[in-house]
Amino acid sequence: MRAPIGTFENAGPAADRLGLLTAPVAAAVTAGWGGFPAEQIIHVDSDPAIADTAVFVEHHGAELLDRSANCVVVAGKRGGEVTRAACLVLSSTRVDVNGVVRKQLGARKVSFAPMDTAVGETGMEYGGITPIGLPAAWPLLIDPAVVDEEWVLIGSGSRRGKLIVPGKALAALPGALIVEGLGIRS
């Protein structure tokens, strides 16, 4: 199978590669969401050593920088209460944590969640966290530029491999909120 973006040697339907996905991602792919069939989710196998965005696009093509998205876990605090959320922005931007995210979560302070918290609560590997299969109670904040992409390259829950998903399918994920200004250019 040929991937709809990039030049990947090993691409196929994610539903046929559930063993390469973490448990929460495999469950979400199997269940589907928002009327998007699992066949539209493509898994591309890749070397875990090049999972980080900069190295990945250097290896697979600079054009992927604007067609891939990073998912980060944040923790918003107000009083003694902590709200976890995930943010999805194009890889060529960064998340406006102290402005847009803080306001959206109604938090006094927002920071990136510690690695052990992000990994422990998502059931995914650090460097492979994806919006697919996140804890149901978490809001998923998505920059509109991600949804506007026909196809978006995202993590697979594991450092090995990536998923290619229609941008519109990401907007249909449970808890998804499209948030203007979430991704800002560095």
Protein backbone atom coordinates (compact mmCIF):
# COMPACT_ATOMS: atom_id res chain seq x y z
CA MET A 1 0.00 0.00 0.00
CA ARG A 2 1.19 3.52 -0.78
CA ALA A 3 0.78 6.12 1.97
CA PRO A 4 -1.23 9.23 0.96
CA ILE A 5 1.65 11.50 2.08
CA GLY A 6 5.39 10.96 2.36
CA THR A 7 7.49 8.24 0.86
CA PHE A 8 7.25 5.34 3.26
CA GLU A 9 8.42 1.86 2.36
CA ASN A 10 6.14 0.08 4.79
CA ALA A 11 2.54 1.36 4.97
CA GLY A 12 -0.73 -0.43 5.60
CA PRO A 13 -4.11 -0.14 7.29
CA ALA A 14 -3.66 0.37 11.04
CA ALA A 15 -6.45 -2.16 11.63
CA ASP A 16 -4.13 -4.82 10.16
CA ARG A 17 -1.25 -3.79 12.45
CA LEU A 18 -2.86 -3.65 15.87
CA GLY A 19 0.08 -5.55 17.36
CA LEU A 20 2.35 -2.59 16.59
CA LEU A 21 0.08 -0.17 18.48
CA THR A 22 -0.24 0.40 22.20
CA ALA A 23 -3.39 -1.04 23.81
CA PRO A 24 -5.41 2.22 24.03
CA VAL A 25 -4.59 3.15 20.42
CA ALA A 26 -5.39 -0.34 19.13
CA ALA A 27 -8.73 -0.25 20.98
CA ALA A 28 -9.62 3.17 19.52
CA VAL A 29 -8.64 2.12 15.99
CA THR A 30 -10.73 -1.04 16.31
CA ALA A 31 -13.78 0.83 17.67
CA GLY A 32 -13.52 3.73 15.24
CA TRP A 33 -15.13 7.11 15.90
CA GLY A 34 -17.25 9.75 14.25
CA GLY A 35 -18.14 7.56 11.27
CA PHE A 36 -14.54 7.32 10.05
CA PRO A 37 -13.78 3.72 9.12
CA ALA A 38 -10.62 2.12 10.48
CA GLU A 39 -9.45 1.51 6.89
CA GLN A 40 -8.78 5.26 6.57
CA ILE A 41 -6.16 5.12 9.31
CA ILE A 42 -2.80 4.22 7.82
CA HIS A 43 0.15 2.90 9.85
CA VAL A 44 3.66 3.51 8.56
CA ASP A 45 6.40 1.50 10.19
CA SER A 46 9.50 3.46 11.13
CA ASP A 47 12.64 3.22 13.19
CA PRO A 48 12.06 4.27 16.84
CA ALA A 49 15.47 5.97 16.82
CA ILE A 50 14.14 8.62 14.43
CA ALA A 51 10.72 9.16 16.06
CA ASP A 52 11.38 12.75 17.15
CA THR A 53 9.92 15.22 14.66
CA ALA A 54 13.11 16.99 13.55
CA VAL A 55 14.97 13.75 12.87
CA PHE A 56 11.92 12.09 11.34
CA VAL A 57 11.32 14.83 8.76
CA GLU A 58 15.04 15.03 8.02
CA HIS A 59 14.93 11.33 7.17
CA HIS A 60 11.53 11.15 5.44
CA GLY A 61 11.27 14.60 3.84
CA ALA A 62 10.99 18.21 4.98
CA GLU A 63 7.54 18.51 3.36
CA LEU A 64 6.18 16.39 6.21
CA LEU A 65 6.85 19.15 8.75
CA ASP A 66 3.68 21.01 7.73
CA ARG A 67 1.69 17.81 7.29
CA SER A 68 2.49 16.27 10.64
CA ALA A 69 1.17 17.15 14.08
CA ASN A 70 2.53 16.81 17.59
CA CYS A 71 0.35 15.80 20.52
CA VAL A 72 1.44 17.03 23.94
CA VAL A 73 -0.08 16.42 27.36
CA VAL A 74 -0.61 19.41 29.64
CA ALA A 75 -1.73 19.90 33.22
CA GLY A 76 -3.83 22.92 34.15
CA LYS A 77 -4.01 23.92 37.81
CA ARG A 78 -6.55 26.06 39.61
CA GLY A 79 -6.62 25.89 43.38
CA GLY A 80 -5.94 22.29 44.30
CA GLU A 81 -7.56 20.89 41.17
CA VAL A 82 -5.55 19.55 38.20
CA THR A 83 -7.04 19.16 34.72
CA ARG A 84 -5.19 17.07 32.16
CA ALA A 85 -5.65 17.73 28.47
CA ALA A 86 -3.93 16.96 25.19
CA CYS A 87 -3.05 19.56 22.57
CA LEU A 88 -2.56 18.81 18.87
CA VAL A 89 -0.75 21.33 16.65
CA LEU A 90 1.16 21.16 13.38
CA SER A 91 4.80 20.24 13.94
CA SER A 92 5.91 23.55 12.46
CA THR A 93 4.25 25.37 15.40
CA ARG A 94 4.28 25.23 19.18
CA VAL A 95 1.40 25.10 21.65
CA ASP A 96 0.38 28.42 23.23
CA VAL A 97 0.33 26.93 26.73
CA ASN A 98 0.33 30.14 28.78
CA GLY A 99 -2.27 31.94 26.67
CA VAL A 100 -4.81 29.93 24.72
CA VAL A 101 -4.55 26.64 26.67
CA ARG A 102 -4.67 28.35 30.07
CA LYS A 103 -7.79 30.28 29.04
CA GLN A 104 -9.47 27.22 27.46
CA LEU A 105 -8.93 25.11 30.60
CA GLY A 106 -9.87 27.93 32.97
CA ALA A 107 -6.61 27.33 34.79
CA ARG A 108 -4.42 29.70 36.71
CA LYS A 109 -1.29 27.88 35.58
CA VAL A 110 -0.65 25.34 32.81
CA SER A 111 2.50 23.34 32.18
CA PHE A 112 3.54 20.34 30.15
CA ALA A 113 2.79 17.19 32.12
CA PRO A 114 5.85 15.34 33.43
CA MET A 115 6.94 12.45 31.23
CA ASP A 116 6.00 9.75 33.76
CA THR A 117 2.52 11.27 34.13
CA ALA A 118 1.97 11.56 30.37
CA VAL A 119 3.13 8.00 29.76
CA GLY A 120 1.37 6.51 32.78
CA GLU A 121 -2.01 8.12 32.16
CA THR A 122 -2.11 7.61 28.38
CA GLY A 123 -0.64 4.10 28.22
CA MET A 124 1.55 5.35 25.36
CA GLU A 125 5.29 5.80 24.89
CA TYR A 126 6.93 9.18 25.30
CA GLY A 127 7.68 10.51 21.83
CA GLY A 128 4.76 8.60 20.33
CA ILE A 129 1.77 10.08 22.15
CA THR A 130 -1.18 10.41 19.81
CA PRO A 131 -4.67 11.91 20.11
CA ILE A 132 -6.18 8.53 19.24
CA GLY A 133 -6.94 6.51 22.38
CA LEU A 134 -6.48 9.25 24.99
CA PRO A 135 -8.30 9.00 28.34
CA ALA A 136 -12.00 9.71 27.71
CA ALA A 137 -12.26 12.47 30.34
CA TRP A 138 -9.52 14.60 28.78
CA PRO A 139 -10.28 17.50 26.48
CA LEU A 140 -8.40 17.27 23.19
CA LEU A 141 -7.54 20.77 21.98
CA ILE A 142 -6.82 20.88 18.24
CA ASP A 143 -5.54 23.77 16.18
CA PRO A 144 -7.76 24.33 13.11
CA ALA A 145 -4.73 24.07 10.80
CA VAL A 146 -4.47 20.37 11.71
CA VAL A 147 -8.09 19.71 10.76
CA ASP A 148 -7.63 21.62 7.50
CA GLU A 149 -4.97 19.19 6.28
CA GLU A 150 -6.29 16.46 4.01
CA TRP A 151 -3.91 13.93 5.63
CA VAL A 152 -1.94 14.36 8.87
CA LEU A 153 0.98 12.32 10.18
CA ILE A 154 0.70 11.74 13.95
CA GLY A 155 2.18 9.45 16.58
CA SER A 156 1.01 5.86 16.89
CA GLY A 157 1.21 5.58 20.67
CA SER A 158 4.61 3.98 20.24
CA ARG A 159 7.96 5.40 19.11
CA ARG A 160 7.91 2.75 16.39
CA GLY A 161 5.65 3.85 13.58
CA LYS A 162 3.32 6.74 12.83
CA LEU A 163 -0.31 7.05 11.81
CA ILE A 164 -1.64 8.95 8.81
CA VAL A 165 -5.19 10.13 9.37
CA PRO A 166 -7.58 12.50 7.56
CA GLY A 167 -7.49 15.88 9.33
CA LYS A 168 -11.29 15.89 9.57
CA ALA A 169 -11.18 12.52 11.40
CA LEU A 170 -9.13 14.12 14.18
CA ALA A 171 -11.87 16.70 14.76
CA ALA A 172 -14.32 13.84 15.32
CA LEU A 173 -12.28 12.22 18.13
CA PRO A 174 -13.92 12.03 21.56
CA GLY A 175 -13.39 15.25 23.55
CA ALA A 176 -12.06 17.16 20.52
CA LEU A 177 -12.36 20.95 20.58
CA ILE A 178 -11.11 23.10 17.71
CA VAL A 179 -9.29 26.03 19.30
CA GLU A 180 -8.20 29.07 17.27
CA GLY A 181 -4.65 30.25 17.95
CA LEU A 182 -3.60 27.03 19.73
CA GLY A 183 -0.56 26.55 17.49
CA ILE A 184 1.78 29.51 17.13
CA ARG A 185 4.84 29.93 14.95
CA SER A 186 8.08 29.99 16.86
